[in-house]
Amino acid sequence: MRTVLTVLFLAFLSVNVSAIEPVNDQQVMLYYHIPLGADKQHSKHQFGLRFDNTNHDPREVVQISALESRPAAMDFRMGYDGVQSIKIHGVDYAAYLIARAAEGEDSPVEPVTETQATEEAITAETAPAETTEAPEEKGPIQKKLDELPFGVVIGVILGIGLIAGVGG
């Protein structure tokens, strides 16, 4: 009788038990947006790349419409006029990056006073003439890389990241 109870006890312990745990999925969506309405504000074509990270039940099917309503892990959107948005977890960094680029390129010039102008004229007369050096000539590969559009460079970087498995 003892052996029968021991065998039954071990039989109940060896039954396969599986837990239903949520599945962590990563999605990538390459999209091209064609406006069909008459709205003048959003009447231009847009294209972009979106990365999503979702947790869901293994029996559940994830719909694209459910992903669009949530902020993406990263959403890079461009139009024919240039970069429109770079959103990371719903925060748009494009305006910040464009402002930083404009700040470095065309910073406003401060007005020059008369005393500063005379000091500059005196130092220009007394200072020895500076020799200007010819700019370094670029090789054919560097010239081709300089001709590539910014979007192609970003696409290559993102493609290498995807192939390498960056982000989990």
N, C-alpha and C. Protein backbone atom coordinates (compact mmCIF):
# COMPACT_ATOMS: atom_id res chain seq x y z
N MET A 1 0.83 -1.18 0.00
CA MET A 1 0.00 0.00 0.00
C MET A 1 0.88 1.26 0.00
N ARG A 2 1.99 1.16 0.74
CA ARG A 2 2.89 2.29 0.78
C ARG A 2 3.48 2.58 -0.59
N THR A 3 3.85 1.58 -1.29
CA THR A 3 4.45 1.77 -2.61
C THR A 3 3.45 2.36 -3.60
N VAL A 4 2.19 1.95 -3.49
CA VAL A 4 1.16 2.48 -4.38
C VAL A 4 0.98 3.97 -4.11
N LEU A 5 0.93 4.38 -2.85
CA LEU A 5 0.79 5.79 -2.51
C LEU A 5 2.01 6.58 -2.95
N THR A 6 3.18 6.01 -2.82
CA THR A 6 4.40 6.69 -3.24
C THR A 6 4.42 6.88 -4.75
N VAL A 7 4.01 5.87 -5.49
CA VAL A 7 3.98 5.96 -6.95
C VAL A 7 2.95 7.00 -7.39
N LEU A 8 1.76 7.00 -6.76
CA LEU A 8 0.74 8.00 -7.10
C LEU A 8 1.22 9.41 -6.76
N PHE A 9 1.89 9.57 -5.64
CA PHE A 9 2.42 10.87 -5.25
C PHE A 9 3.44 11.36 -6.27
N LEU A 10 4.36 10.50 -6.71
CA LEU A 10 5.36 10.88 -7.69
C LEU A 10 4.73 11.13 -9.06
N ALA A 11 3.66 10.40 -9.38
CA ALA A 11 2.97 10.61 -10.65
C ALA A 11 2.33 12.00 -10.69
N PHE A 12 1.75 12.44 -9.58
CA PHE A 12 1.15 13.77 -9.53
C PHE A 12 2.21 14.87 -9.57
N LEU A 13 3.38 14.62 -9.03
CA LEU A 13 4.44 15.62 -9.07
C LEU A 13 5.06 15.75 -10.45
N SER A 14 5.07 14.70 -11.22
CA SER A 14 5.74 14.73 -12.52
C SER A 14 4.84 15.20 -13.66
N VAL A 15 3.63 15.66 -13.38
CA VAL A 15 2.74 16.16 -14.41
C VAL A 15 3.31 17.47 -14.93
N ASN A 16 3.31 17.63 -16.24
CA ASN A 16 3.83 18.85 -16.85
C ASN A 16 2.93 20.03 -16.51
N VAL A 17 3.53 21.05 -15.98
CA VAL A 17 2.83 22.28 -15.64
C VAL A 17 3.51 23.40 -16.40
N SER A 18 2.72 24.21 -17.09
CA SER A 18 3.31 25.34 -17.81
C SER A 18 2.59 26.60 -17.39
N ALA A 19 3.38 27.64 -17.19
CA ALA A 19 2.81 28.93 -16.83
C ALA A 19 2.60 29.74 -18.10
N ILE A 20 1.57 30.53 -18.10
CA ILE A 20 1.31 31.40 -19.24
C ILE A 20 1.90 32.75 -18.90
N GLU A 21 3.04 33.02 -19.51
CA GLU A 21 3.74 34.27 -19.25
C GLU A 21 3.56 35.20 -20.44
N PRO A 22 3.60 36.50 -20.19
CA PRO A 22 3.47 37.43 -21.31
C PRO A 22 4.67 37.33 -22.25
N VAL A 23 4.40 37.58 -23.52
CA VAL A 23 5.43 37.53 -24.55
C VAL A 23 5.92 38.95 -24.80
N ASN A 24 7.23 39.13 -24.86
CA ASN A 24 7.82 40.42 -25.16
C ASN A 24 8.24 40.42 -26.62
N ASP A 25 7.52 41.19 -27.45
CA ASP A 25 7.77 41.23 -28.89
C ASP A 25 8.30 42.60 -29.31
N GLN A 26 9.17 42.58 -30.30
CA GLN A 26 9.62 43.80 -30.93
C GLN A 26 9.06 43.84 -32.34
N GLN A 27 8.55 44.98 -32.75
CA GLN A 27 8.03 45.15 -34.09
C GLN A 27 8.75 46.30 -34.76
N VAL A 28 8.94 46.18 -36.06
CA VAL A 28 9.51 47.24 -36.88
C VAL A 28 8.52 47.50 -38.00
N MET A 29 8.22 48.78 -38.22
CA MET A 29 7.28 49.13 -39.28
C MET A 29 7.91 50.21 -40.15
N LEU A 30 8.05 49.93 -41.42
CA LEU A 30 8.49 50.90 -42.41
C LEU A 30 7.22 51.36 -43.12
N TYR A 31 6.93 52.65 -43.08
CA TYR A 31 5.64 53.09 -43.61
C TYR A 31 5.80 54.26 -44.58
N TYR A 32 4.80 54.40 -45.43
CA TYR A 32 4.69 55.50 -46.38
C TYR A 32 3.27 56.03 -46.27
N HIS A 33 3.12 57.28 -45.84
CA HIS A 33 1.82 57.87 -45.55
C HIS A 33 1.40 58.74 -46.74
N ILE A 34 0.26 58.41 -47.34
CA ILE A 34 -0.29 59.17 -48.45
C ILE A 34 -1.57 59.84 -47.96
N PRO A 35 -1.59 61.16 -47.86
CA PRO A 35 -2.81 61.84 -47.39
C PRO A 35 -3.90 61.81 -48.47
N LEU A 36 -5.10 61.50 -48.05
CA LEU A 36 -6.23 61.43 -48.98
C LEU A 36 -7.22 62.57 -48.76
N GLY A 37 -7.04 63.35 -47.68
CA GLY A 37 -7.96 64.43 -47.38
C GLY A 37 -7.53 65.74 -48.01
N ALA A 38 -8.31 66.78 -47.76
CA ALA A 38 -8.04 68.10 -48.32
C ALA A 38 -7.40 69.02 -47.29
N ASP A 39 -6.84 68.48 -46.24
CA ASP A 39 -6.22 69.28 -45.20
C ASP A 39 -4.91 69.86 -45.73
N LYS A 40 -4.80 71.17 -45.73
CA LYS A 40 -3.61 71.83 -46.27
C LYS A 40 -2.38 71.61 -45.38
N GLN A 41 -2.60 71.45 -44.09
CA GLN A 41 -1.48 71.31 -43.16
C GLN A 41 -0.74 69.98 -43.34
N HIS A 42 -1.46 68.91 -43.54
CA HIS A 42 -0.87 67.58 -43.67
C HIS A 42 -1.10 67.01 -45.07
N SER A 43 -0.90 67.82 -46.10
CA SER A 43 -1.22 67.37 -47.45
C SER A 43 -0.03 66.80 -48.20
N LYS A 44 1.11 66.61 -47.54
CA LYS A 44 2.29 66.08 -48.22
C LYS A 44 2.56 64.65 -47.79
N HIS A 45 3.17 63.90 -48.67
CA HIS A 45 3.52 62.51 -48.39
C HIS A 45 4.59 62.46 -47.31
N GLN A 46 4.52 61.42 -46.49
CA GLN A 46 5.50 61.21 -45.42
C GLN A 46 5.90 59.74 -45.43
N PHE A 47 7.12 59.48 -44.98
CA PHE A 47 7.58 58.11 -44.83
C PHE A 47 8.43 58.04 -43.58
N GLY A 48 8.53 56.85 -43.02
CA GLY A 48 9.27 56.74 -41.78
C GLY A 48 9.55 55.31 -41.37
N LEU A 49 10.18 55.21 -40.24
CA LEU A 49 10.56 53.94 -39.64
C LEU A 49 10.16 53.98 -38.18
N ARG A 50 9.47 52.93 -37.71
CA ARG A 50 8.94 52.90 -36.35
C ARG A 50 9.34 51.59 -35.68
N PHE A 51 9.87 51.69 -34.46
CA PHE A 51 10.20 50.53 -33.65
C PHE A 51 9.26 50.48 -32.46
N ASP A 52 8.68 49.31 -32.20
CA ASP A 52 7.76 49.13 -31.07
C ASP A 52 8.22 47.96 -30.22
N ASN A 53 7.86 48.00 -28.95
CA ASN A 53 8.14 46.92 -28.01
C ASN A 53 6.85 46.67 -27.24
N THR A 54 6.29 45.47 -27.33
CA THR A 54 5.01 45.18 -26.68
C THR A 54 5.11 43.93 -25.83
N ASN A 55 4.33 43.92 -24.77
CA ASN A 55 4.12 42.73 -23.94
C ASN A 55 2.67 42.32 -24.10
N HIS A 56 2.43 41.05 -24.42
CA HIS A 56 1.06 40.60 -24.60
C HIS A 56 0.95 39.13 -24.25
N ASP A 57 -0.29 38.69 -24.11
CA ASP A 57 -0.60 37.29 -23.84
C ASP A 57 -0.20 36.45 -25.05
N PRO A 58 0.35 35.25 -24.85
CA PRO A 58 0.77 34.44 -26.00
C PRO A 58 -0.37 34.06 -26.93
N ARG A 59 -1.59 34.02 -26.43
CA ARG A 59 -2.73 33.68 -27.29
C ARG A 59 -3.30 34.90 -27.99
N GLU A 60 -2.82 36.10 -27.65
CA GLU A 60 -3.36 37.33 -28.19
C GLU A 60 -2.63 37.72 -29.48
N VAL A 61 -3.38 38.25 -30.44
CA VAL A 61 -2.81 38.73 -31.69
C VAL A 61 -2.68 40.25 -31.58
N VAL A 62 -1.50 40.79 -31.88
CA VAL A 62 -1.28 42.22 -31.79
C VAL A 62 -1.68 42.87 -33.11
N GLN A 63 -2.62 43.81 -33.05
CA GLN A 63 -3.09 44.51 -34.24
C GLN A 63 -2.27 45.77 -34.46
N ILE A 64 -2.08 46.14 -35.71
CA ILE A 64 -1.32 47.35 -36.03
C ILE A 64 -2.04 48.58 -35.49
N SER A 65 -3.36 48.58 -35.52
CA SER A 65 -4.12 49.73 -35.01
C SER A 65 -3.87 49.94 -33.53
N ALA A 66 -3.62 48.87 -32.78
CA ALA A 66 -3.31 49.01 -31.35
C ALA A 66 -1.92 49.60 -31.17
N LEU A 67 -1.00 49.29 -32.06
CA LEU A 67 0.35 49.85 -31.97
C LEU A 67 0.37 51.33 -32.31
N GLU A 68 -0.44 51.74 -33.29
CA GLU A 68 -0.45 53.14 -33.72
C GLU A 68 -0.98 54.08 -32.64
N SER A 69 -1.84 53.58 -31.77
CA SER A 69 -2.40 54.44 -30.73
C SER A 69 -1.42 54.66 -29.58
N ARG A 70 -0.43 53.80 -29.44
CA ARG A 70 0.57 53.94 -28.38
C ARG A 70 1.81 54.67 -28.90
N PRO A 71 2.53 55.38 -28.01
CA PRO A 71 3.78 55.98 -28.47
C PRO A 71 4.82 54.88 -28.75
N ALA A 72 5.58 55.06 -29.81
CA ALA A 72 6.56 54.07 -30.22
C ALA A 72 7.83 54.20 -29.40
N ALA A 73 8.62 53.12 -29.39
CA ALA A 73 9.93 53.20 -28.75
C ALA A 73 10.80 54.20 -29.52
N MET A 74 10.73 54.18 -30.84
CA MET A 74 11.39 55.18 -31.68
C MET A 74 10.60 55.32 -32.97
N ASP A 75 10.35 56.55 -33.38
CA ASP A 75 9.63 56.82 -34.61
C ASP A 75 10.37 57.92 -35.36
N PHE A 76 10.90 57.59 -36.52
CA PHE A 76 11.64 58.53 -37.35
C PHE A 76 10.80 58.81 -38.58
N ARG A 77 10.35 60.07 -38.75
CA ARG A 77 9.43 60.44 -39.84
C ARG A 77 10.08 61.53 -40.70
N MET A 78 10.02 61.32 -42.01
CA MET A 78 10.56 62.29 -42.96
C MET A 78 9.52 62.59 -44.02
N GLY A 79 9.69 63.75 -44.64
CA GLY A 79 8.89 64.12 -45.79
C GLY A 79 9.86 64.50 -46.89
N TYR A 80 9.32 65.01 -47.99
CA TYR A 80 10.19 65.43 -49.08
C TYR A 80 10.91 66.73 -48.74
N ASP A 81 10.47 67.42 -47.70
CA ASP A 81 11.11 68.66 -47.26
C ASP A 81 12.22 68.41 -46.25
N GLY A 82 12.31 67.21 -45.71
CA GLY A 82 13.34 66.89 -44.72
C GLY A 82 12.75 66.16 -43.53
N VAL A 83 13.52 66.12 -42.44
CA VAL A 83 13.10 65.43 -41.23
C VAL A 83 11.94 66.17 -40.60
N GLN A 84 10.87 65.45 -40.27
CA GLN A 84 9.71 66.06 -39.63
C GLN A 84 9.65 65.76 -38.15
N SER A 85 10.02 64.54 -37.74
CA SER A 85 10.00 64.23 -36.32
C SER A 85 10.93 63.05 -36.03
N ILE A 86 11.52 63.10 -34.87
CA ILE A 86 12.29 61.99 -34.32
C ILE A 86 11.75 61.81 -32.91
N LYS A 87 10.84 60.86 -32.75
CA LYS A 87 10.18 60.65 -31.47
C LYS A 87 10.77 59.42 -30.79
N ILE A 88 11.16 59.59 -29.54
CA ILE A 88 11.64 58.49 -28.72
C ILE A 88 10.74 58.43 -27.50
N HIS A 89 9.99 57.35 -27.38
CA HIS A 89 8.99 57.15 -26.32
C HIS A 89 8.02 58.32 -26.25
N GLY A 90 7.61 58.83 -27.42
CA GLY A 90 6.59 59.87 -27.49
C GLY A 90 7.11 61.29 -27.39
N VAL A 91 8.39 61.50 -27.14
CA VAL A 91 8.95 62.84 -27.03
C VAL A 91 9.64 63.18 -28.35
N ASP A 92 9.26 64.32 -28.97
CA ASP A 92 9.81 64.71 -30.26
C ASP A 92 11.09 65.52 -30.06
N TYR A 93 12.20 64.98 -30.56
CA TYR A 93 13.49 65.64 -30.43
C TYR A 93 13.89 66.38 -31.70
N ALA A 94 13.09 66.37 -32.74
CA ALA A 94 13.46 66.99 -34.01
C ALA A 94 13.59 68.50 -33.86
N ALA A 95 12.64 69.16 -33.20
CA ALA A 95 12.69 70.61 -33.04
C ALA A 95 13.95 71.01 -32.27
N TYR A 96 14.29 70.25 -31.24
CA TYR A 96 15.49 70.53 -30.45
C TYR A 96 16.75 70.39 -31.30
N LEU A 97 16.83 69.31 -32.08
CA LEU A 97 18.02 69.06 -32.90
C LEU A 97 18.14 70.10 -34.02
N ILE A 98 17.02 70.49 -34.62
CA ILE A 98 17.05 71.50 -35.68
C ILE A 98 17.47 72.85 -35.10
N ALA A 99 16.97 73.18 -33.91
CA ALA A 99 17.36 74.44 -33.27
C ALA A 99 18.85 74.45 -32.93
N ARG A 100 19.37 73.31 -32.46
CA ARG A 100 20.80 73.22 -32.16
C ARG A 100 21.64 73.37 -33.42
N ALA A 101 21.20 72.77 -34.52
CA ALA A 101 21.94 72.88 -35.77
C ALA A 101 21.93 74.31 -36.29
N ALA A 102 20.78 74.97 -36.21
CA ALA A 102 20.68 76.35 -36.66
C ALA A 102 21.50 77.28 -35.78
N GLU A 103 21.57 76.98 -34.51
CA GLU A 103 22.35 77.80 -33.57
C GLU A 103 23.83 77.76 -33.92
N GLY A 104 24.31 76.60 -34.31
CA GLY A 104 25.72 76.47 -34.65
C GLY A 104 26.07 77.06 -36.00
N GLU A 105 25.13 77.06 -36.96
CA GLU A 105 25.42 77.53 -38.31
C GLU A 105 25.31 79.04 -38.44
N ASP A 106 24.20 79.61 -38.07
CA ASP A 106 23.95 81.04 -38.27
C ASP A 106 23.69 81.73 -36.95
N SER A 107 24.69 81.78 -36.10
CA SER A 107 24.47 82.47 -34.84
C SER A 107 24.49 83.97 -35.11
N PRO A 108 23.66 84.74 -34.41
CA PRO A 108 23.59 86.18 -34.66
C PRO A 108 24.91 86.87 -34.32
N VAL A 109 25.25 87.89 -35.10
CA VAL A 109 26.49 88.64 -34.91
C VAL A 109 26.21 89.79 -33.95
N GLU A 110 27.06 89.95 -32.97
CA GLU A 110 26.90 91.05 -32.02
C GLU A 110 27.41 92.34 -32.64
N PRO A 111 26.79 93.47 -32.33
CA PRO A 111 27.24 94.73 -32.90
C PRO A 111 28.64 95.09 -32.38
N VAL A 112 29.43 95.73 -33.24
CA VAL A 112 30.79 96.11 -32.90
C VAL A 112 30.80 97.59 -32.54
N THR A 113 31.42 97.92 -31.42
CA THR A 113 31.52 99.32 -31.01
C THR A 113 32.70 99.97 -31.72
N GLU A 114 32.79 101.32 -31.64
CA GLU A 114 33.86 102.06 -32.33
C GLU A 114 35.22 101.71 -31.75
N THR A 115 35.31 101.54 -30.44
CA THR A 115 36.61 101.23 -29.83
C THR A 115 37.10 99.85 -30.25
N GLN A 116 36.18 98.91 -30.37
CA GLN A 116 36.57 97.58 -30.82
C GLN A 116 37.03 97.62 -32.28
N ALA A 117 36.39 98.45 -33.10
CA ALA A 117 36.76 98.56 -34.51
C ALA A 117 38.15 99.16 -34.67
N THR A 118 38.47 100.20 -33.88
CA THR A 118 39.80 100.81 -33.98
C THR A 118 40.88 99.87 -33.45
N GLU A 119 40.57 99.11 -32.37
CA GLU A 119 41.54 98.14 -31.85
C GLU A 119 41.83 97.06 -32.88
N GLU A 120 40.81 96.60 -33.58
CA GLU A 120 40.99 95.57 -34.60
C GLU A 120 41.80 96.10 -35.78
N ALA A 121 41.59 97.38 -36.15
CA ALA A 121 42.34 97.98 -37.25
C ALA A 121 43.81 98.11 -36.89
N ILE A 122 44.11 98.49 -35.65
CA ILE A 122 45.49 98.64 -35.21
C ILE A 122 46.19 97.28 -35.17
N THR A 123 45.53 96.26 -34.65
CA THR A 123 46.15 94.93 -34.58
C THR A 123 46.32 94.34 -35.98
N ALA A 124 45.45 94.69 -36.92
CA ALA A 124 45.58 94.19 -38.29
C ALA A 124 46.79 94.81 -38.98
N GLU A 125 47.08 96.09 -38.68
CA GLU A 125 48.22 96.76 -39.29
C GLU A 125 49.54 96.24 -38.74
N THR A 126 49.59 95.98 -37.42
CA THR A 126 50.85 95.58 -36.79
C THR A 126 51.10 94.09 -36.87
N ALA A 127 50.08 93.30 -37.03
CA ALA A 127 50.25 91.83 -37.05
C ALA A 127 50.83 91.41 -38.39
N PRO A 128 51.70 90.39 -38.38
CA PRO A 128 52.24 89.90 -39.66
C PRO A 128 51.14 89.23 -40.48
N ALA A 129 51.32 89.26 -41.77
CA ALA A 129 50.32 88.67 -42.67
C ALA A 129 50.30 87.16 -42.48
N GLU A 130 49.10 86.61 -42.38
CA GLU A 130 48.95 85.17 -42.20
C GLU A 130 48.92 84.49 -43.56
N THR A 131 49.55 83.36 -43.63
CA THR A 131 49.53 82.61 -44.88
C THR A 131 48.32 81.68 -44.87
N THR A 132 47.63 81.67 -45.97
CA THR A 132 46.48 80.78 -46.05
C THR A 132 46.92 79.48 -46.68
N GLU A 133 46.51 78.39 -46.07
CA GLU A 133 46.85 77.07 -46.58
C GLU A 133 45.73 76.57 -47.47
N ALA A 134 46.11 75.85 -48.48
CA ALA A 134 45.11 75.27 -49.37
C ALA A 134 44.36 74.17 -48.62
N PRO A 135 43.04 74.08 -48.81
CA PRO A 135 42.29 73.02 -48.11
C PRO A 135 42.73 71.65 -48.61
N GLU A 136 42.63 70.70 -47.71
CA GLU A 136 43.03 69.34 -48.06
C GLU A 136 42.08 68.79 -49.13
N GLU A 137 42.65 68.10 -50.09
CA GLU A 137 41.85 67.52 -51.14
C GLU A 137 41.26 66.20 -50.67
N LYS A 138 40.00 65.99 -50.93
CA LYS A 138 39.32 64.77 -50.50
C LYS A 138 39.48 63.69 -51.55
N GLY A 139 39.53 62.46 -51.06
CA GLY A 139 39.63 61.32 -51.95
C GLY A 139 38.29 61.01 -52.60
N PRO A 140 38.26 60.09 -53.56
CA PRO A 140 37.00 59.80 -54.26
C PRO A 140 35.95 59.16 -53.35
N ILE A 141 36.38 58.37 -52.38
CA ILE A 141 35.41 57.76 -51.47
C ILE A 141 34.79 58.82 -50.57
N GLN A 142 35.60 59.74 -50.05
CA GLN A 142 35.08 60.80 -49.19
C GLN A 142 34.14 61.72 -49.96
N LYS A 143 34.44 61.98 -51.24
CA LYS A 143 33.55 62.81 -52.06
C LYS A 143 32.19 62.14 -52.23
N LYS A 144 32.20 60.82 -52.49
CA LYS A 144 30.94 60.08 -52.65
C LYS A 144 30.14 60.07 -51.35
N LEU A 145 30.83 59.90 -50.20
CA LEU A 145 30.13 59.90 -48.92
C LEU A 145 29.53 61.27 -48.62
N ASP A 146 30.20 62.36 -49.03
CA ASP A 146 29.66 63.70 -48.81
C ASP A 146 28.44 63.96 -49.68
N GLU A 147 28.32 63.28 -50.81
CA GLU A 147 27.19 63.48 -51.71
C GLU A 147 25.94 62.71 -51.27
N LEU A 148 26.09 61.71 -50.38
CA LEU A 148 24.94 60.91 -49.95
C LEU A 148 23.97 61.76 -49.14
N PRO A 149 22.66 61.57 -49.34
CA PRO A 149 21.68 62.28 -48.51
C PRO A 149 21.72 61.78 -47.06
N PHE A 150 21.29 62.63 -46.17
CA PHE A 150 21.30 62.31 -44.75
C PHE A 150 20.42 61.10 -44.44
N GLY A 151 19.31 60.96 -45.13
CA GLY A 151 18.39 59.84 -44.89
C GLY A 151 19.03 58.50 -45.20
N VAL A 152 19.88 58.45 -46.22
CA VAL A 152 20.55 57.21 -46.58
C VAL A 152 21.53 56.81 -45.47
N VAL A 153 22.24 57.80 -44.94
CA VAL A 153 23.19 57.53 -43.86
C VAL A 153 22.46 57.00 -42.63
N ILE A 154 21.33 57.63 -42.27
CA ILE A 154 20.54 57.16 -41.13
C ILE A 154 20.02 55.75 -41.40
N GLY A 155 19.56 55.48 -42.62
CA GLY A 155 19.05 54.15 -42.96
C GLY A 155 20.12 53.08 -42.85
N VAL A 156 21.34 53.39 -43.28
CA VAL A 156 22.43 52.43 -43.17
C VAL A 156 22.76 52.16 -41.71
N ILE A 157 22.78 53.21 -40.89
CA ILE A 157 23.08 53.04 -39.46
C ILE A 157 22.00 52.20 -38.79
N LEU A 158 20.73 52.48 -39.09
CA LEU A 158 19.64 51.70 -38.51
C LEU A 158 19.66 50.25 -39.00
N GLY A 159 19.98 50.04 -40.28
CA GLY A 159 20.07 48.69 -40.82
C GLY A 159 21.17 47.88 -40.15
N ILE A 160 22.32 48.50 -39.93
CA ILE A 160 23.40 47.82 -39.24
C ILE A 160 22.98 47.49 -37.81
N GLY A 161 22.26 48.42 -37.17
CA GLY A 161 21.77 48.16 -35.82
C GLY A 161 20.80 47.00 -35.76
N LEU A 162 19.90 46.91 -36.75
CA LEU A 162 18.94 45.82 -36.80
C LEU A 162 19.62 44.48 -37.02
N ILE A 163 20.57 44.46 -37.94
CA ILE A 163 21.28 43.21 -38.23
C ILE A 163 22.10 42.76 -37.03
N ALA A 164 22.72 43.74 -36.34
CA ALA A 164 23.54 43.42 -35.19
C ALA A 164 22.70 43.04 -33.96
N GLY A 165 21.41 43.34 -33.97
CA GLY A 165 20.54 42.97 -32.86
C GLY A 165 20.56 43.97 -31.72
N VAL A 166 20.74 45.25 -32.03
CA VAL A 166 20.76 46.28 -30.99
C VAL A 166 19.36 46.41 -30.41
N GLY A 167 19.26 46.56 -29.13
CA GLY A 167 17.98 46.77 -28.47
C GLY A 167 17.34 45.52 -27.94
N GLY A 168 18.06 44.47 -27.81
CA GLY A 168 17.51 43.27 -27.18
C GLY A 168 17.36 42.17 -28.16
